[in-house]
Amino acid sequence: MTQYLEIEGGRLAYDVAGEGPLVVLAHGIGNGREAYRFLAPRLVAAGYRVATVDMRGHGESSLDWPSYTRTDVAGDLLALVRHLGGPAVIAGHSFAGGAATIAAALAPDLVSAVVEIAPFTREQKPDLGGLLRNGRHRKGIRLLMSAGMLRSLKLWRSYLDHAYPGARPADHEAYMSALAAALSRPGRMDVVAKMGLSAPTDAGAQLANLRVPALVLMGTLDPDWADPEAEAEGIVAGMPAGLGTVVMVEGAGHYAHTQFPEEVAEVMLPFLKEHARG
């Protein structure tokens, strides 16, 4: 059952299931909390209270927020943790990976650890060599940039199809159709564009301030980077020594938690057992 949290600037939609230490799952841009439809039940079955939340401007959360930065979303996540009675482990995908990092750096009393899935958590520098060498990356960046600049749902859908190499869930086409319907509502692609074209410099500035453990999960076939593992290692290198761990998910694109939820859960659960506090 959808619940709502009213905060300054708008309203957040979220679900909660299970009992135990709190885990908050935040999706990436142009998606919704249903992106965790396979991973969340696995965490609940393992003994966690799991909240999935629609980011501002997405899903059933309200539109017309004053701004849409990672710092804004970090504040939203912390508001939800306070409301639900933290502390929590926050897992963020893509854009929300950076937001989770900011939340943890700003409020280590509320965030006991972070999981970053295919995260945009530091400034992105052009990799011309990578674009030339890696056709999958070249196509992914072209679709991402074009979808953002043109606010094109068609191009965004093409990017999503490209970001799921190989294995796809059985409900993939039905889910994508429902997502396209949600994004076709007035103003929704404007939010995708604003977030997609925003630089993650605010998240990168907080990496050195992180004080809690971080798990960075990256798909080996993620088209958003020419070398996904190097990007993950670069994120960890920006953290204080010993806090970050990188795990690569073989064969996954940008949505490892949807393509390979069992494998992602197998990696996350030992991390949660060690760092989640009830």
Protein backbone atom coordinates (compact mmCIF):
# COMPACT_ATOMS: atom_id res chain seq x y z
CA MET A 1 0.00 0.00 0.00
CA THR A 2 1.43 3.37 -1.02
CA GLN A 3 2.14 5.77 1.81
CA TYR A 4 3.02 9.45 1.57
CA LEU A 5 5.38 11.76 3.41
CA GLU A 6 4.77 15.49 3.21
CA ILE A 7 7.98 17.52 3.37
CA GLU A 8 8.90 21.06 2.41
CA GLY A 9 8.43 21.42 -1.33
CA GLY A 10 6.28 18.38 -2.03
CA ARG A 11 5.19 14.85 -1.23
CA LEU A 12 7.11 11.56 -1.40
CA ALA A 13 5.43 8.24 -2.16
CA TYR A 14 6.87 5.12 -0.59
CA ASP A 15 6.14 1.52 0.44
CA VAL A 16 7.36 -0.36 3.50
CA ALA A 17 7.46 -4.12 3.96
CA GLY A 18 8.97 -6.50 6.49
CA GLU A 19 10.41 -6.14 9.97
CA GLY A 20 13.95 -5.66 11.19
CA PRO A 21 16.72 -3.15 10.51
CA LEU A 22 15.69 -0.47 8.04
CA VAL A 23 16.90 -0.46 4.44
CA VAL A 24 15.83 2.35 2.09
CA LEU A 25 15.99 1.69 -1.66
CA ALA A 26 16.10 4.69 -4.01
CA HIS A 27 15.80 4.28 -7.79
CA GLY A 28 17.56 6.17 -10.58
CA ILE A 29 16.16 8.85 -12.85
CA GLY A 30 13.36 8.04 -15.26
CA ASN A 31 12.28 5.04 -13.23
CA GLY A 32 10.23 4.33 -10.11
CA ARG A 33 10.29 2.38 -6.89
CA GLU A 34 9.05 -0.71 -8.79
CA ALA A 35 12.61 -0.98 -10.13
CA TYR A 36 13.27 -2.87 -6.87
CA ARG A 37 10.33 -5.25 -7.33
CA PHE A 38 12.68 -8.26 -7.41
CA LEU A 39 15.35 -7.19 -4.93
CA ALA A 40 13.12 -5.80 -2.15
CA PRO A 41 11.27 -9.09 -1.46
CA ARG A 42 14.59 -10.90 -1.09
CA LEU A 43 15.74 -8.40 1.52
CA VAL A 44 12.41 -8.61 3.36
CA ALA A 45 12.65 -12.41 3.41
CA ALA A 46 16.12 -12.09 4.95
CA GLY A 47 14.76 -10.11 7.89
CA TYR A 48 14.86 -6.45 6.93
CA ARG A 49 12.30 -3.65 6.95
CA VAL A 50 12.53 -2.34 3.41
CA ALA A 51 11.26 1.01 2.19
CA THR A 52 11.13 1.75 -1.53
CA VAL A 53 10.59 5.39 -2.43
CA ASP A 54 9.72 7.33 -5.57
CA MET A 55 12.21 10.17 -6.02
CA ARG A 56 10.85 13.70 -6.28
CA GLY A 57 9.19 14.21 -9.64
CA HIS A 58 8.87 10.45 -10.25
CA GLY A 59 6.16 7.81 -9.87
CA GLU A 60 3.54 8.78 -7.33
CA SER A 61 5.69 11.49 -5.74
CA SER A 62 4.69 15.05 -6.52
CA LEU A 63 5.95 17.24 -9.35
CA ASP A 64 7.03 20.91 -9.35
CA TRP A 65 9.74 20.77 -6.68
CA PRO A 66 11.96 23.86 -6.51
CA SER A 67 15.02 21.93 -7.73
CA TYR A 68 16.20 18.41 -8.48
CA THR A 69 19.80 18.00 -7.33
CA ARG A 70 21.40 15.02 -5.65
CA THR A 71 21.64 17.12 -2.51
CA ASP A 72 17.89 17.69 -2.67
CA VAL A 73 17.24 13.97 -3.00
CA ALA A 74 19.65 13.27 -0.14
CA GLY A 75 17.50 15.53 2.05
CA ASP A 76 14.40 13.63 0.94
CA LEU A 77 15.99 10.31 1.86
CA LEU A 78 17.04 11.58 5.27
CA ALA A 79 13.52 12.90 5.89
CA LEU A 80 12.14 9.45 5.13
CA VAL A 81 14.66 7.76 7.42
CA ARG A 82 13.72 10.13 10.25
CA HIS A 83 10.04 9.49 9.62
CA LEU A 84 10.48 5.71 9.66
CA GLY A 85 12.76 5.72 12.68
CA GLY A 86 16.33 5.16 11.53
CA PRO A 87 19.13 4.53 11.31
CA ALA A 88 19.04 2.93 7.87
CA VAL A 89 21.24 1.53 5.18
CA ILE A 90 20.47 3.55 2.06
CA ALA A 91 20.87 1.90 -1.33
CA GLY A 92 20.79 4.24 -4.30
CA HIS A 93 20.90 3.48 -8.00
CA SER A 94 22.59 5.76 -10.55
CA PHE A 95 21.59 9.37 -9.69
CA ALA A 96 20.41 8.19 -6.26
CA GLY A 97 23.77 6.54 -5.63
CA GLY A 98 25.24 10.01 -5.41
CA ALA A 99 22.32 11.16 -3.25
CA ALA A 100 22.87 8.25 -0.86
CA THR A 101 26.52 9.24 -0.50
CA ILE A 102 25.57 12.82 0.34
CA ALA A 103 22.98 11.65 2.88
CA ALA A 104 25.51 9.42 4.62
CA ALA A 105 28.16 12.15 4.71
CA LEU A 106 25.73 14.71 6.13
CA ALA A 107 24.04 12.46 8.70
CA PRO A 108 26.12 9.42 9.73
CA ASP A 109 23.87 9.10 12.80
CA LEU A 110 20.96 8.31 10.47
CA VAL A 111 22.80 6.31 7.80
CA SER A 112 24.78 3.31 9.00
CA ALA A 113 26.05 2.33 5.52
CA VAL A 114 25.42 2.95 1.83
CA VAL A 115 25.06 0.73 -1.20
CA GLU A 116 25.71 2.42 -4.53
CA ILE A 117 24.44 0.59 -7.62
CA ALA A 118 25.88 1.89 -10.92
CA PRO A 119 26.32 5.26 -9.22
CA PHE A 120 26.98 8.71 -10.60
CA THR A 121 28.89 9.90 -7.55
CA ARG A 122 31.75 11.97 -8.91
CA GLU A 123 32.47 14.46 -11.67
CA GLN A 124 32.42 12.83 -15.09
CA LYS A 125 35.32 13.62 -17.40
CA PRO A 126 35.08 13.04 -21.16
CA ASP A 127 36.76 9.79 -22.22
CA LEU A 128 37.31 10.24 -25.94
CA GLY A 129 39.43 7.12 -26.17
CA GLY A 130 36.74 5.09 -24.44
CA LEU A 131 34.08 6.45 -26.78
CA LEU A 132 36.17 5.40 -29.77
CA ARG A 133 36.99 1.95 -28.41
CA ASN A 134 33.69 0.95 -26.85
CA GLY A 135 30.67 0.99 -29.15
CA ARG A 136 28.29 0.01 -26.36
CA HIS A 137 29.42 3.01 -24.32
CA ARG A 138 29.30 5.31 -27.34
CA LYS A 139 25.68 4.37 -28.06
CA GLY A 140 24.67 4.64 -24.42
CA ILE A 141 26.08 8.15 -24.02
CA ARG A 142 24.51 9.28 -27.30
CA LEU A 143 21.09 8.06 -26.21
CA LEU A 144 21.44 9.50 -22.71
CA MET A 145 22.49 12.94 -23.91
CA SER A 146 19.92 13.04 -26.69
CA ALA A 147 17.07 11.97 -24.42
CA GLY A 148 18.00 14.67 -21.91
CA MET A 149 18.52 17.51 -24.34
CA LEU A 150 15.40 16.73 -26.40
CA ARG A 151 13.26 15.58 -23.44
CA SER A 152 12.39 12.61 -25.61
CA LEU A 153 10.55 9.66 -24.09
CA LYS A 154 11.25 7.62 -27.22
CA LEU A 155 15.00 8.11 -26.87
CA TRP A 156 14.84 7.42 -23.13
CA ARG A 157 13.08 4.14 -23.83
CA SER A 158 15.78 3.31 -26.39
CA TYR A 159 18.42 4.00 -23.75
CA LEU A 160 16.66 1.73 -21.26
CA ASP A 161 16.56 -1.08 -23.81
CA HIS A 162 20.28 -0.60 -24.46
CA ALA A 163 21.06 -0.56 -20.72
CA TYR A 164 19.69 -4.12 -20.30
CA PRO A 165 22.18 -6.26 -22.26
CA GLY A 166 21.43 -9.95 -22.37
CA ALA A 167 19.21 -11.14 -19.51
CA ARG A 168 15.91 -9.35 -18.97
CA PRO A 169 13.15 -10.12 -16.48
CA ALA A 170 10.04 -11.87 -17.76
CA ASP A 171 7.93 -8.77 -17.20
CA HIS A 172 10.37 -6.43 -18.94
CA GLU A 173 8.12 -5.31 -21.80
CA ALA A 174 5.08 -4.85 -19.57
CA TYR A 175 7.14 -2.91 -17.04
CA MET A 176 8.64 -0.67 -19.70
CA SER A 177 5.20 0.04 -21.15
CA ALA A 178 3.91 1.04 -17.73
CA LEU A 179 6.99 3.19 -17.14
CA ALA A 180 6.52 4.91 -20.51
CA ALA A 181 2.92 5.69 -19.57
CA ALA A 182 4.06 7.20 -16.27
CA LEU A 183 6.74 9.31 -17.96
CA SER A 184 4.33 10.55 -20.62
CA ARG A 185 2.50 12.62 -18.02
CA PRO A 186 3.11 16.37 -18.31
CA GLY A 187 6.37 17.54 -16.78
CA ARG A 188 7.86 14.12 -16.08
CA MET A 189 10.41 14.09 -18.90
CA ASP A 190 11.41 17.62 -17.89
CA VAL A 191 12.46 16.18 -14.52
CA VAL A 192 14.37 13.36 -16.23
CA ALA A 193 16.19 15.94 -18.34
CA LYS A 194 17.03 18.19 -15.39
CA MET A 195 18.40 15.32 -13.37
CA GLY A 196 20.11 13.59 -16.26
CA LEU A 197 22.03 16.67 -17.32
CA SER A 198 23.06 17.68 -13.79
CA ALA A 199 26.69 17.11 -12.88
CA PRO A 200 27.30 14.93 -9.77
CA THR A 201 29.82 17.39 -8.37
CA ASP A 202 27.85 17.80 -5.12
CA ALA A 203 28.17 14.06 -4.49
CA GLY A 204 31.84 14.00 -5.41
CA ALA A 205 32.51 16.82 -2.97
CA GLN A 206 31.15 14.64 -0.14
CA LEU A 207 33.10 11.46 -0.87
CA ALA A 208 35.98 12.49 1.39
CA ASN A 209 33.50 13.27 4.17
CA LEU A 210 32.00 9.78 4.21
CA ARG A 211 32.29 8.09 7.60
CA VAL A 212 30.29 4.90 7.07
CA PRO A 213 30.99 1.77 5.00
CA ALA A 214 30.07 1.80 1.32
CA LEU A 215 29.43 -1.03 -1.13
CA VAL A 216 29.71 -0.09 -4.81
CA LEU A 217 28.04 -2.51 -7.24
CA MET A 218 28.68 -2.11 -10.95
CA GLY A 219 27.67 -4.18 -13.97
CA THR A 220 30.52 -5.30 -16.19
CA LEU A 221 28.49 -4.28 -19.27
CA ASP A 222 27.19 -0.96 -17.97
CA PRO A 223 27.09 1.29 -21.07
CA ASP A 224 27.33 4.51 -19.07
CA TRP A 225 31.10 4.10 -18.75
CA ALA A 226 33.79 2.85 -21.09
CA ASP A 227 35.35 1.05 -18.10
CA PRO A 228 32.71 0.49 -15.37
CA GLU A 229 35.17 -1.12 -12.96
CA ALA A 230 37.56 1.83 -13.22
CA GLU A 231 34.67 4.20 -12.44
CA ALA A 232 33.71 2.14 -9.37
CA GLU A 233 37.34 2.04 -8.18
CA GLY A 234 37.60 5.79 -8.72
CA ILE A 235 34.58 6.39 -6.50
CA VAL A 236 36.07 4.26 -3.73
CA ALA A 237 39.42 6.00 -4.11
CA GLY A 238 37.70 9.28 -3.28
CA MET A 239 36.47 7.90 0.06
CA PRO A 240 38.54 7.67 3.24
CA ALA A 241 40.72 4.57 3.13
CA GLY A 242 39.07 1.31 4.04
CA LEU A 243 35.43 2.42 3.73
CA GLY A 244 34.59 1.35 0.19
CA THR A 245 34.31 -2.04 -1.48
CA VAL A 246 33.73 -2.70 -5.18
CA VAL A 247 31.82 -5.71 -6.50
CA MET A 248 31.33 -6.26 -10.22
CA VAL A 249 28.18 -8.05 -11.41
CA GLU A 250 29.12 -10.12 -14.43
CA GLY A 251 26.96 -9.55 -17.49
CA ALA A 252 24.88 -6.77 -15.97
CA GLY A 253 24.22 -3.42 -17.59
CA HIS A 254 23.08 -0.30 -15.77
CA TYR A 255 20.29 -2.13 -13.91
CA ALA A 256 22.01 -5.01 -12.14
CA HIS A 257 19.38 -5.05 -9.37
CA THR A 258 16.66 -5.77 -11.95
CA GLN A 259 18.61 -8.05 -14.27
CA PHE A 260 20.29 -10.12 -11.56
CA PRO A 261 18.42 -9.54 -8.28
CA GLU A 262 19.51 -12.85 -6.77
CA GLU A 263 23.18 -12.12 -7.39
CA VAL A 264 22.83 -8.57 -6.07
CA ALA A 265 21.03 -9.84 -2.96
CA GLU A 266 23.82 -12.37 -2.35
CA VAL A 267 26.31 -9.52 -2.29
CA MET A 268 24.16 -7.11 -0.29
CA LEU A 269 22.99 -9.44 2.47
CA PRO A 270 26.40 -10.05 4.12
CA PHE A 271 27.02 -6.30 3.93
CA LEU A 272 23.65 -5.58 5.56
CA LYS A 273 24.22 -8.21 8.23
CA GLU A 274 27.43 -6.47 9.21
CA HIS A 275 26.30 -2.85 9.00
CA ALA A 276 22.50 -2.56 9.32
CA ARG A 277 21.36 -1.53 12.81
CA GLY A 278 17.90 -2.24 14.19
